[in-house]
């Protein structure tokens, strides 16, 4: 990606709306390589993880709210129609981007919490795909970005099956190699063993993409034995299933905890080299 001033601004600015929307937003995404139209299934900011690197501001929590599927579909129809007509690119957020980034790359179930926690997840996926096709975007990938904690739920499995059958992808988080480090980073009661089991089972059923956020805490990067354990688990997932790729990145916007700071591009590349050695043939991308 070309690091123009506009690109740098948008990498550090991922608002979850377009000024008049609740569920649908658009951002410049490093990992998508262009514009990603996001769908926020958690505008009430509830999440079953409390990651130290999370960039969602939870100092003021809205009232709990269920997803209004009709309103979501209306917003998505409006945004996708605008994107098809080229109007989305005229938005101040995107009009100064380099030409190679001025393209809608995907739809992403990603927002202020864990998207698979939304009730009626399969119905939500089905409706999004209907709107995608009706607005002339058939073939645009639908990606779910998930902490993997809910991938074993029957409703989520069915939604994932539907999403992948329509050309989508699962970007699933794996931010640790051990249970202790996982608890320290992710702040959840969900057992690390469950996350690993869900990743392995989903990869047996479908090709998936792993996402890993690496950073320093109080100036210290992840210890070497932690990275070794992590790469071992990546190898286990790949050996028993299929990986489309691994995305390794660091914090790009202010995190929940001030003691969390980005790793250098060199540090990320060093981890990526170890992952490539563990899973030869699996693409490993670094985003610094």
C-alpha atoms as a PDB file:
ATOM      1  CA  UNK A   1       0.000   0.000   0.000  1.00  0.00           C
ATOM      2  CA  UNK A   2       1.173   3.490  -0.795  1.00  0.00           C
ATOM      3  CA  UNK A   3       1.656   5.371   2.460  1.00  0.00           C
ATOM      4  CA  UNK A   4       0.301   8.745   1.374  1.00  0.00           C
ATOM      5  CA  UNK A   5      -1.067  11.152   3.979  1.00  0.00           C
ATOM      6  CA  UNK A   6      -4.598  10.012   3.117  1.00  0.00           C
ATOM      7  CA  UNK A   7      -3.635   6.351   3.553  1.00  0.00           C
ATOM      8  CA  UNK A   8      -1.955   7.010   6.902  1.00  0.00           C
ATOM      9  CA  UNK A   9      -5.009   8.948   8.073  1.00  0.00           C
ATOM     10  CA  UNK A  10      -7.426   6.168   7.165  1.00  0.00           C
ATOM     11  CA  UNK A  11      -5.282   3.417   8.702  1.00  0.00           C
ATOM     12  CA  UNK A  12      -5.556   5.277  11.995  1.00  0.00           C
ATOM     13  CA  UNK A  13      -9.264   6.035  11.641  1.00  0.00           C
ATOM     14  CA  UNK A  14     -11.783   3.180  11.505  1.00  0.00           C
ATOM     15  CA  UNK A  15     -15.161   4.671  12.508  1.00  0.00           C
ATOM     16  CA  UNK A  16     -18.041   2.181  12.591  1.00  0.00           C
ATOM     17  CA  UNK A  17     -20.496   4.347  10.643  1.00  0.00           C
ATOM     18  CA  UNK A  18     -20.873   6.482   7.572  1.00  0.00           C
ATOM     19  CA  UNK A  19     -22.464   9.378   9.410  1.00  0.00           C
ATOM     20  CA  UNK A  20     -26.032   8.098   9.349  1.00  0.00           C
ATOM     21  CA  UNK A  21     -25.733   4.339   9.785  1.00  0.00           C
ATOM     22  CA  UNK A  22     -25.846   2.003  12.766  1.00  0.00           C
ATOM     23  CA  UNK A  23     -24.620  -1.266  11.286  1.00  0.00           C
ATOM     24  CA  UNK A  24     -22.803  -0.565   8.019  1.00  0.00           C
ATOM     25  CA  UNK A  25     -19.553   1.346   7.610  1.00  0.00           C
ATOM     26  CA  UNK A  26     -16.584   1.475   5.250  1.00  0.00           C
ATOM     27  CA  UNK A  27     -12.865   1.635   5.957  1.00  0.00           C
ATOM     28  CA  UNK A  28      -9.558   1.405   4.169  1.00  0.00           C
ATOM     29  CA  UNK A  29      -8.285  -2.029   5.184  1.00  0.00           C
ATOM     30  CA  UNK A  30      -4.644  -3.050   5.082  1.00  0.00           C
ATOM     31  CA  UNK A  31      -5.524  -6.719   5.060  1.00  0.00           C
ATOM     32  CA  UNK A  32      -8.172  -6.380   2.365  1.00  0.00           C
ATOM     33  CA  UNK A  33      -5.933  -4.215   0.207  1.00  0.00           C
ATOM     34  CA  UNK A  34      -8.597  -1.593  -0.408  1.00  0.00           C
ATOM     35  CA  UNK A  35     -11.995  -0.550   0.862  1.00  0.00           C
ATOM     36  CA  UNK A  36     -13.826  -2.955   3.134  1.00  0.00           C
ATOM     37  CA  UNK A  37     -17.531  -2.480   3.780  1.00  0.00           C
ATOM     38  CA  UNK A  38     -17.994  -3.502   7.384  1.00  0.00           C
ATOM     39  CA  UNK A  39     -21.110  -4.817   9.075  1.00  0.00           C
ATOM     40  CA  UNK A  40     -21.167  -4.207  12.817  1.00  0.00           C
ATOM     41  CA  UNK A  41     -23.353  -6.797  14.538  1.00  0.00           C
ATOM     42  CA  UNK A  42     -22.348  -5.450  17.976  1.00  0.00           C
ATOM     43  CA  UNK A  43     -23.124  -1.703  18.008  1.00  0.00           C
ATOM     44  CA  UNK A  44     -23.830  -2.083  21.741  1.00  0.00           C
ATOM     45  CA  UNK A  45     -20.102  -2.918  22.133  1.00  0.00           C
ATOM     46  CA  UNK A  46     -20.730  -6.168  24.022  1.00  0.00           C
ATOM     47  CA  UNK A  47     -17.969  -8.743  23.563  1.00  0.00           C
ATOM     48  CA  UNK A  48     -16.991 -11.967  25.308  1.00  0.00           C
ATOM     49  CA  UNK A  49     -13.304 -11.001  25.035  1.00  0.00           C
ATOM     50  CA  UNK A  50     -11.600  -8.003  26.637  1.00  0.00           C
ATOM     51  CA  UNK A  51      -8.368  -7.893  24.654  1.00  0.00           C
ATOM     52  CA  UNK A  52      -5.658  -5.551  25.876  1.00  0.00           C
ATOM     53  CA  UNK A  53      -5.051  -4.362  22.311  1.00  0.00           C
ATOM     54  CA  UNK A  54      -8.728  -3.759  21.461  1.00  0.00           C
ATOM     55  CA  UNK A  55      -9.364  -0.412  19.798  1.00  0.00           C
ATOM     56  CA  UNK A  56     -13.061  -0.153  20.730  1.00  0.00           C
ATOM     57  CA  UNK A  57     -13.769   2.559  23.308  1.00  0.00           C
ATOM     58  CA  UNK A  58     -15.892   0.927  26.025  1.00  0.00           C
ATOM     59  CA  UNK A  59     -15.773   3.806  28.508  1.00  0.00           C
ATOM     60  CA  UNK A  60     -19.386   4.656  27.586  1.00  0.00           C
ATOM     61  CA  UNK A  61     -21.489   1.588  26.802  1.00  0.00           C
ATOM     62  CA  UNK A  62     -24.775   1.895  24.891  1.00  0.00           C
ATOM     63  CA  UNK A  63     -27.830  -0.026  26.059  1.00  0.00           C
ATOM     64  CA  UNK A  64     -27.911  -3.692  24.946  1.00  0.00           C
ATOM     65  CA  UNK A  65     -29.569  -4.053  21.554  1.00  0.00           C
ATOM     66  CA  UNK A  66     -30.496  -6.886  19.235  1.00  0.00           C
ATOM     67  CA  UNK A  67     -29.690  -6.669  15.533  1.00  0.00           C
ATOM     68  CA  UNK A  68     -32.567  -5.167  13.538  1.00  0.00           C
ATOM     69  CA  UNK A  69     -32.167  -7.260  10.407  1.00  0.00           C
ATOM     70  CA  UNK A  70     -34.490  -5.076   8.350  1.00  0.00           C
ATOM     71  CA  UNK A  71     -32.589  -1.920   9.226  1.00  0.00           C
ATOM     72  CA  UNK A  72     -29.264  -3.653   8.559  1.00  0.00           C
ATOM     73  CA  UNK A  73     -30.479  -4.784   5.114  1.00  0.00           C
ATOM     74  CA  UNK A  74     -31.718  -1.285   4.279  1.00  0.00           C
ATOM     75  CA  UNK A  75     -28.394   0.290   5.248  1.00  0.00           C
ATOM     76  CA  UNK A  76     -26.412  -2.299   3.328  1.00  0.00           C
ATOM     77  CA  UNK A  77     -28.582  -1.845   0.244  1.00  0.00           C
ATOM     78  CA  UNK A  78     -28.013   1.896   0.372  1.00  0.00           C
ATOM     79  CA  UNK A  79     -24.240   1.625   0.840  1.00  0.00           C
ATOM     80  CA  UNK A  80     -23.712  -1.078  -1.788  1.00  0.00           C
ATOM     81  CA  UNK A  81     -25.865   0.820  -4.266  1.00  0.00           C
ATOM     82  CA  UNK A  82     -23.808   3.949  -3.637  1.00  0.00           C
ATOM     83  CA  UNK A  83     -20.609   1.951  -4.046  1.00  0.00           C
ATOM     84  CA  UNK A  84     -21.800   0.446  -7.323  1.00  0.00           C
ATOM     85  CA  UNK A  85     -22.573   3.956  -8.638  1.00  0.00           C
ATOM     86  CA  UNK A  86     -19.158   5.241  -7.516  1.00  0.00           C
ATOM     87  CA  UNK A  87     -20.616   7.616  -4.936  1.00  0.00           C
ATOM     88  CA  UNK A  88     -18.900   5.912  -1.989  1.00  0.00           C
ATOM     89  CA  UNK A  89     -15.521   6.849  -3.447  1.00  0.00           C
ATOM     90  CA  UNK A  90     -16.544  10.513  -3.351  1.00  0.00           C
ATOM     91  CA  UNK A  91     -16.802  10.343   0.437  1.00  0.00           C
ATOM     92  CA  UNK A  92     -14.149  12.587   2.064  1.00  0.00           C
ATOM     93  CA  UNK A  93     -12.707   9.491   3.684  1.00  0.00           C
ATOM     94  CA  UNK A  94     -11.780   7.898   0.345  1.00  0.00           C
ATOM     95  CA  UNK A  95     -11.610  10.496  -2.403  1.00  0.00           C
ATOM     96  CA  UNK A  96      -7.893  11.242  -1.934  1.00  0.00           C
ATOM     97  CA  UNK A  97      -6.738   7.622  -1.841  1.00  0.00           C
ATOM     98  CA  UNK A  98      -4.387   6.260  -4.518  1.00  0.00           C
ATOM     99  CA  UNK A  99      -6.237   4.678  -7.418  1.00  0.00           C
ATOM    100  CA  UNK A 100      -5.123   1.139  -6.582  1.00  0.00           C
ATOM    101  CA  UNK A 101      -6.850   1.397  -3.176  1.00  0.00           C
ATOM    102  CA  UNK A 102     -10.092   2.932  -4.451  1.00  0.00           C
ATOM    103  CA  UNK A 103     -11.842  -0.406  -4.877  1.00  0.00           C
ATOM    104  CA  UNK A 104     -14.291  -2.303  -2.691  1.00  0.00           C
ATOM    105  CA  UNK A 105     -12.553  -5.577  -1.808  1.00  0.00           C
ATOM    106  CA  UNK A 106     -14.947  -7.297   0.565  1.00  0.00           C
ATOM    107  CA  UNK A 107     -17.827  -7.233   2.992  1.00  0.00           C
ATOM    108  CA  UNK A 108     -16.688  -7.901   6.549  1.00  0.00           C
ATOM    109  CA  UNK A 109     -18.645  -9.021   9.587  1.00  0.00           C
ATOM    110  CA  UNK A 110     -16.501  -7.064  11.999  1.00  0.00           C
ATOM    111  CA  UNK A 111     -17.371  -4.401  14.504  1.00  0.00           C
ATOM    112  CA  UNK A 112     -17.451  -3.549  18.180  1.00  0.00           C
ATOM    113  CA  UNK A 113     -17.706  -7.100  19.504  1.00  0.00           C
ATOM    114  CA  UNK A 114     -17.691 -10.756  18.475  1.00  0.00           C
ATOM    115  CA  UNK A 115     -19.961 -11.057  15.398  1.00  0.00           C
ATOM    116  CA  UNK A 116     -20.761 -14.743  15.866  1.00  0.00           C
ATOM    117  CA  UNK A 117     -22.374 -13.922  19.224  1.00  0.00           C
ATOM    118  CA  UNK A 118     -25.298 -12.273  17.414  1.00  0.00           C
ATOM    119  CA  UNK A 119     -28.532 -14.304  17.633  1.00  0.00           C
ATOM    120  CA  UNK A 120     -29.805 -15.637  14.290  1.00  0.00           C
ATOM    121  CA  UNK A 121     -26.309 -15.576  12.848  1.00  0.00           C
ATOM    122  CA  UNK A 122     -27.194 -17.831   9.912  1.00  0.00           C
ATOM    123  CA  UNK A 123     -30.221 -15.673   9.033  1.00  0.00           C
ATOM    124  CA  UNK A 124     -28.037 -12.567   9.144  1.00  0.00           C
ATOM    125  CA  UNK A 125     -25.503 -14.138   6.776  1.00  0.00           C
ATOM    126  CA  UNK A 126     -28.280 -15.217   4.419  1.00  0.00           C
ATOM    127  CA  UNK A 127     -29.809 -11.738   4.318  1.00  0.00           C
ATOM    128  CA  UNK A 128     -26.439 -10.063   3.703  1.00  0.00           C
ATOM    129  CA  UNK A 129     -25.781 -12.390   0.782  1.00  0.00           C
ATOM    130  CA  UNK A 130     -29.236 -11.648  -0.651  1.00  0.00           C
ATOM    131  CA  UNK A 131     -28.556  -7.903  -0.503  1.00  0.00           C
ATOM    132  CA  UNK A 132     -25.073  -8.361  -1.962  1.00  0.00           C
ATOM    133  CA  UNK A 133     -26.442 -10.224  -4.967  1.00  0.00           C
ATOM    134  CA  UNK A 134     -29.464  -7.946  -5.451  1.00  0.00           C
ATOM    135  CA  UNK A 135     -27.257  -4.833  -5.620  1.00  0.00           C
ATOM    136  CA  UNK A 136     -24.964  -6.260  -8.287  1.00  0.00           C
ATOM    137  CA  UNK A 137     -22.104  -7.355  -6.066  1.00  0.00           C
ATOM    138  CA  UNK A 138     -22.335 -11.139  -6.515  1.00  0.00           C
ATOM    139  CA  UNK A 139     -18.830 -12.503  -6.080  1.00  0.00           C
ATOM    140  CA  UNK A 140     -17.760  -9.861  -3.554  1.00  0.00           C
ATOM    141  CA  UNK A 141     -16.347 -11.956  -0.673  1.00  0.00           C
ATOM    142  CA  UNK A 142     -18.133 -11.908   2.683  1.00  0.00           C
ATOM    143  CA  UNK A 143     -15.605 -12.324   5.487  1.00  0.00           C
ATOM    144  CA  UNK A 144     -16.334 -13.009   9.138  1.00  0.00           C
ATOM    145  CA  UNK A 145     -13.615 -11.772  11.488  1.00  0.00           C
ATOM    146  CA  UNK A 146     -13.947 -13.817  14.643  1.00  0.00           C
ATOM    147  CA  UNK A 147     -12.220 -14.683  17.906  1.00  0.00           C
ATOM    148  CA  UNK A 148     -13.212 -18.317  17.160  1.00  0.00           C
ATOM    149  CA  UNK A 149     -15.033 -18.767  20.472  1.00  0.00           C
ATOM    150  CA  UNK A 150     -18.417 -19.417  18.843  1.00  0.00           C
ATOM    151  CA  UNK A 151     -17.426 -21.488  15.824  1.00  0.00           C
ATOM    152  CA  UNK A 152     -18.749 -24.668  17.480  1.00  0.00           C
ATOM    153  CA  UNK A 153     -22.322 -23.356  17.853  1.00  0.00           C
ATOM    154  CA  UNK A 154     -24.676 -25.075  15.361  1.00  0.00           C
ATOM    155  CA  UNK A 155     -26.157 -21.776  14.179  1.00  0.00           C
ATOM    156  CA  UNK A 156     -22.710 -20.319  13.614  1.00  0.00           C
ATOM    157  CA  UNK A 157     -21.495 -23.453  11.840  1.00  0.00           C
ATOM    158  CA  UNK A 158     -24.479 -23.210   9.497  1.00  0.00           C
ATOM    159  CA  UNK A 159     -23.802 -19.511   8.865  1.00  0.00           C
ATOM    160  CA  UNK A 160     -20.123 -20.195   8.189  1.00  0.00           C
ATOM    161  CA  UNK A 161     -21.056 -23.008   5.790  1.00  0.00           C
ATOM    162  CA  UNK A 162     -23.380 -20.649   3.917  1.00  0.00           C
ATOM    163  CA  UNK A 163     -20.809 -17.845   3.856  1.00  0.00           C
ATOM    164  CA  UNK A 164     -18.025 -20.055   2.528  1.00  0.00           C
ATOM    165  CA  UNK A 165     -20.289 -21.688  -0.057  1.00  0.00           C
ATOM    166  CA  UNK A 166     -20.883 -18.158  -1.393  1.00  0.00           C
ATOM    167  CA  UNK A 167     -17.159 -17.493  -1.836  1.00  0.00           C
ATOM    168  CA  UNK A 168     -16.441 -15.967   1.571  1.00  0.00           C
ATOM    169  CA  UNK A 169     -13.760 -16.558   4.172  1.00  0.00           C
ATOM    170  CA  UNK A 170     -13.245 -16.938   7.908  1.00  0.00           C
ATOM    171  CA  UNK A 171     -10.529 -14.759   9.418  1.00  0.00           C
ATOM    172  CA  UNK A 172     -10.062 -16.346  12.820  1.00  0.00           C
ATOM    173  CA  UNK A 173      -7.944 -14.994  15.643  1.00  0.00           C
ATOM    174  CA  UNK A 174      -5.045 -16.840  17.242  1.00  0.00           C
ATOM    175  CA  UNK A 175      -3.103 -14.368  19.372  1.00  0.00           C
ATOM    176  CA  UNK A 176      -1.269 -16.704  21.749  1.00  0.00           C
ATOM    177  CA  UNK A 177       0.577 -19.976  22.011  1.00  0.00           C
ATOM    178  CA  UNK A 178      -0.214 -20.856  25.634  1.00  0.00           C
ATOM    179  CA  UNK A 179      -3.251 -20.654  27.877  1.00  0.00           C
ATOM    180  CA  UNK A 180      -1.520 -18.275  30.307  1.00  0.00           C
ATOM    181  CA  UNK A 181      -0.543 -15.788  27.622  1.00  0.00           C
ATOM    182  CA  UNK A 182      -3.972 -16.089  26.012  1.00  0.00           C
ATOM    183  CA  UNK A 183      -5.633 -15.157  29.305  1.00  0.00           C
ATOM    184  CA  UNK A 184      -3.293 -12.216  29.709  1.00  0.00           C
ATOM    185  CA  UNK A 185      -3.912 -10.916  26.190  1.00  0.00           C
ATOM    186  CA  UNK A 186      -7.590 -11.724  25.611  1.00  0.00           C
ATOM    187  CA  UNK A 187      -9.149 -11.257  29.060  1.00  0.00           C
ATOM    188  CA  UNK A 188     -11.867 -13.858  28.660  1.00  0.00           C
ATOM    189  CA  UNK A 189     -13.410 -16.808  30.477  1.00  0.00           C
ATOM    190  CA  UNK A 190     -13.438 -18.764  27.199  1.00  0.00           C
ATOM    191  CA  UNK A 191     -10.859 -21.565  27.568  1.00  0.00           C
ATOM    192  CA  UNK A 192      -7.886 -21.407  25.238  1.00  0.00           C
ATOM    193  CA  UNK A 193      -8.382 -25.112  24.541  1.00  0.00           C
ATOM    194  CA  UNK A 194     -11.846 -24.349  23.153  1.00  0.00           C
ATOM    195  CA  UNK A 195     -10.490 -21.715  20.778  1.00  0.00           C
ATOM    196  CA  UNK A 196      -7.862 -24.146  19.502  1.00  0.00           C
ATOM    197  CA  UNK A 197     -10.420 -26.940  19.094  1.00  0.00           C
ATOM    198  CA  UNK A 198     -12.757 -24.640  17.181  1.00  0.00           C
ATOM    199  CA  UNK A 199      -9.965 -23.517  14.862  1.00  0.00           C
ATOM    200  CA  UNK A 200      -8.913 -27.093  14.155  1.00  0.00           C
ATOM    201  CA  UNK A 201     -12.457 -28.317  13.547  1.00  0.00           C
ATOM    202  CA  UNK A 202     -13.376 -25.393  11.292  1.00  0.00           C
ATOM    203  CA  UNK A 203     -10.156 -25.815   9.288  1.00  0.00           C
ATOM    204  CA  UNK A 204     -11.037 -29.486   8.806  1.00  0.00           C
ATOM    205  CA  UNK A 205     -14.349 -28.436   7.266  1.00  0.00           C
ATOM    206  CA  UNK A 206     -13.239 -25.379   5.293  1.00  0.00           C
ATOM    207  CA  UNK A 207     -10.076 -23.465   4.391  1.00  0.00           C
ATOM    208  CA  UNK A 208      -9.665 -20.586   6.851  1.00  0.00           C
ATOM    209  CA  UNK A 209      -7.316 -17.651   7.418  1.00  0.00           C
ATOM    210  CA  UNK A 210      -5.596 -17.121  10.754  1.00  0.00           C
ATOM    211  CA  UNK A 211      -5.076 -13.612  12.145  1.00  0.00           C
ATOM    212  CA  UNK A 212      -2.485 -12.837  14.790  1.00  0.00           C
ATOM    213  CA  UNK A 213      -1.953  -9.495  16.508  1.00  0.00           C
ATOM    214  CA  UNK A 214       1.503  -9.157  18.044  1.00  0.00           C
ATOM    215  CA  UNK A 215       2.662  -6.274  20.223  1.00  0.00           C
ATOM    216  CA  UNK A 216       4.813  -5.352  23.189  1.00  0.00           C
ATOM    217  CA  UNK A 217       3.451  -5.155  26.738  1.00  0.00           C
ATOM    218  CA  UNK A 218       5.353  -2.783  29.010  1.00  0.00           C
ATOM    219  CA  UNK A 219       8.038  -2.710  26.347  1.00  0.00           C
ATOM    220  CA  UNK A 220       8.487  -6.493  26.192  1.00  0.00           C
ATOM    221  CA  UNK A 221       7.619  -8.404  23.009  1.00  0.00           C
ATOM    222  CA  UNK A 222       6.101 -11.890  23.211  1.00  0.00           C
ATOM    223  CA  UNK A 223       8.728 -14.245  24.663  1.00  0.00           C
ATOM    224  CA  UNK A 224      10.488 -16.722  22.429  1.00  0.00           C
ATOM    225  CA  UNK A 225       8.837 -19.775  23.998  1.00  0.00           C
ATOM    226  CA  UNK A 226       5.431 -18.186  23.410  1.00  0.00           C
ATOM    227  CA  UNK A 227       6.182 -17.732  19.704  1.00  0.00           C
ATOM    228  CA  UNK A 228       7.444 -21.317  19.534  1.00  0.00           C
ATOM    229  CA  UNK A 229       4.212 -22.616  21.066  1.00  0.00           C
ATOM    230  CA  UNK A 230       2.166 -20.422  18.739  1.00  0.00           C
ATOM    231  CA  UNK A 231       3.919 -21.663  15.596  1.00  0.00           C
ATOM    232  CA  UNK A 232       3.415 -25.225  16.817  1.00  0.00           C
ATOM    233  CA  UNK A 233      -0.332 -24.679  17.020  1.00  0.00           C
ATOM    234  CA  UNK A 234      -0.403 -23.091  13.567  1.00  0.00           C
ATOM    235  CA  UNK A 235       1.308 -26.223  12.259  1.00  0.00           C
ATOM    236  CA  UNK A 236      -1.237 -28.465  14.032  1.00  0.00           C
ATOM    237  CA  UNK A 237      -4.134 -26.551  12.493  1.00  0.00           C
ATOM    238  CA  UNK A 238      -2.580 -26.781   9.033  1.00  0.00           C
ATOM    239  CA  UNK A 239      -1.685 -30.460   9.404  1.00  0.00           C
ATOM    240  CA  UNK A 240      -5.241 -31.449  10.305  1.00  0.00           C
ATOM    241  CA  UNK A 241      -7.029 -28.955   8.079  1.00  0.00           C
ATOM    242  CA  UNK A 242      -6.538 -26.232   5.492  1.00  0.00           C
ATOM    243  CA  UNK A 243      -5.146 -22.732   5.894  1.00  0.00           C
ATOM    244  CA  UNK A 244      -5.618 -20.115   3.204  1.00  0.00           C
ATOM    245  CA  UNK A 245      -3.055 -17.961   4.913  1.00  0.00           C
ATOM    246  CA  UNK A 246      -1.797 -16.337   8.092  1.00  0.00           C
ATOM    247  CA  UNK A 247      -2.011 -12.586   8.708  1.00  0.00           C
ATOM    248  CA  UNK A 248       0.470 -11.170  11.209  1.00  0.00           C
ATOM    249  CA  UNK A 249       0.024  -7.557  12.259  1.00  0.00           C
ATOM    250  CA  UNK A 250       0.402  -5.134  15.139  1.00  0.00           C
ATOM    251  CA  UNK A 251      -1.642  -2.343  16.716  1.00  0.00           C
ATOM    252  CA  UNK A 252      -2.372   0.572  14.385  1.00  0.00           C
ATOM    253  CA  UNK A 253      -4.707   2.681  16.546  1.00  0.00           C
ATOM    254  CA  UNK A 254      -4.809   3.523  20.273  1.00  0.00           C
ATOM    255  CA  UNK A 255      -5.399   0.273  22.215  1.00  0.00           C
ATOM    256  CA  UNK A 256      -7.429  -0.313  25.368  1.00  0.00           C
ATOM    257  CA  UNK A 257      -4.299  -0.495  27.522  1.00  0.00           C
ATOM    258  CA  UNK A 258      -1.599   2.162  27.300  1.00  0.00           C
ATOM    259  CA  UNK A 259       1.136  -0.375  28.057  1.00  0.00           C
ATOM    260  CA  UNK A 260       0.432  -2.037  24.687  1.00  0.00           C
ATOM    261  CA  UNK A 261       2.695  -0.713  21.916  1.00  0.00           C
ATOM    262  CA  UNK A 262       3.360  -1.778  18.306  1.00  0.00           C
ATOM    263  CA  UNK A 263       6.119  -4.142  17.259  1.00  0.00           C
ATOM    264  CA  UNK A 264       8.515  -3.113  14.533  1.00  0.00           C
ATOM    265  CA  UNK A 265       8.211  -4.426  10.992  1.00  0.00           C
ATOM    266  CA  UNK A 266      11.455  -6.350  11.586  1.00  0.00           C
ATOM    267  CA  UNK A 267      10.047  -8.089  14.665  1.00  0.00           C
ATOM    268  CA  UNK A 268       6.882  -9.056  12.812  1.00  0.00           C
ATOM    269  CA  UNK A 269       8.891 -10.386   9.875  1.00  0.00           C
ATOM    270  CA  UNK A 270      10.992 -12.502  12.237  1.00  0.00           C
ATOM    271  CA  UNK A 271       7.846 -14.190  13.558  1.00  0.00           C
ATOM    272  CA  UNK A 272       6.509 -14.582  10.030  1.00  0.00           C
ATOM    273  CA  UNK A 273       9.710 -16.369   9.018  1.00  0.00           C
ATOM    274  CA  UNK A 274       9.169 -18.888  11.810  1.00  0.00           C
ATOM    275  CA  UNK A 275       5.567 -19.442  10.743  1.00  0.00           C
ATOM    276  CA  UNK A 276       6.618 -19.933   7.112  1.00  0.00           C
ATOM    277  CA  UNK A 277       9.121 -22.553   8.240  1.00  0.00           C
ATOM    278  CA  UNK A 278       6.422 -24.316  10.266  1.00  0.00           C
ATOM    279  CA  UNK A 279       3.817 -24.346   7.474  1.00  0.00           C
ATOM    280  CA  UNK A 280       5.648 -24.346   4.129  1.00  0.00           C
ATOM    281  CA  UNK A 281       3.389 -23.404   1.256  1.00  0.00           C
ATOM    282  CA  UNK A 282       0.922 -21.422   3.390  1.00  0.00           C
ATOM    283  CA  UNK A 283       1.003 -17.697   2.537  1.00  0.00           C
ATOM    284  CA  UNK A 284       2.070 -15.561   5.516  1.00  0.00           C
ATOM    285  CA  UNK A 285       1.471 -11.817   5.201  1.00  0.00           C
ATOM    286  CA  UNK A 286       2.805  -9.094   7.492  1.00  0.00           C
ATOM    287  CA  UNK A 287       1.080  -5.764   8.143  1.00  0.00           C
ATOM    288  CA  UNK A 288       3.156  -3.295  10.152  1.00  0.00           C
END
